[in-house]
């Protein structure tokens, strides 16, 4: 019995040693970073652990969102960049932070934006979206509040886009080819759960489309711009309504 267990352990160790270290690092780091994000860089953590340290209660709701945007951006952007630079010892530009194939990328971005705006306007009229957007209920308080909130939101959105269509997609492309598009799609869609069903289902197509766009242009920036158009338009249409 002991011999069988020893042989099994040896076999498992051998299999793990044969795995691609870069692929394993990406899978494990994404899992760890998302877990940290859920428990420690979320709005819930702010409310439970940090809320009481603020004396000025008038802006606590805004601070809650800013904490989420800033801390999550650190987790989803800076740490993967450090992994790429110092562990993989690779060029950060190879992970989509560039403007390669600019004409092709910007053309697709403009066409997609023209198509998206009327769609988001129509969707913004539904009750399910009105219950979720804008996430910050006092977004229409002043232009200053709007600009502060949206600026940090866009920074967070860049980090969010990078973890999937940058770090994960380009990091797994060498091993899995275009299957990497479907791999990054899964966590992206799962993290949309809890939002309006229409948005969650549409995130499946969105992840596939943005994944293809990133690989074809070798850049995740165009996907970020498209994602930003969607988010900003939903907020603006919600405020106007």
Foldseek 3Di string as FASTA:
>chain_A
DVVVVVVVVVVVVVVVVPDDPLLVCLVVLVVVLVVCLVQPQALVNCVVPPLVVDPDPPCSLVVSLLSNLVVNLCSLPVVLVCCVCPVVVHDQLLQAADCFPVVVLVVVLVVLLVVQLVVLLVVLPDPLLLVPPPVRPCCVVDPVSVCVNLVSVLSSLVSVLSSQLGSQLSSCCVPPNLVSLVVSLVVQLVVCPPGPPVVSVVSSVLSNVLNVSCVVRVHSVSSSSSVSSSSVSSRVSSVVD
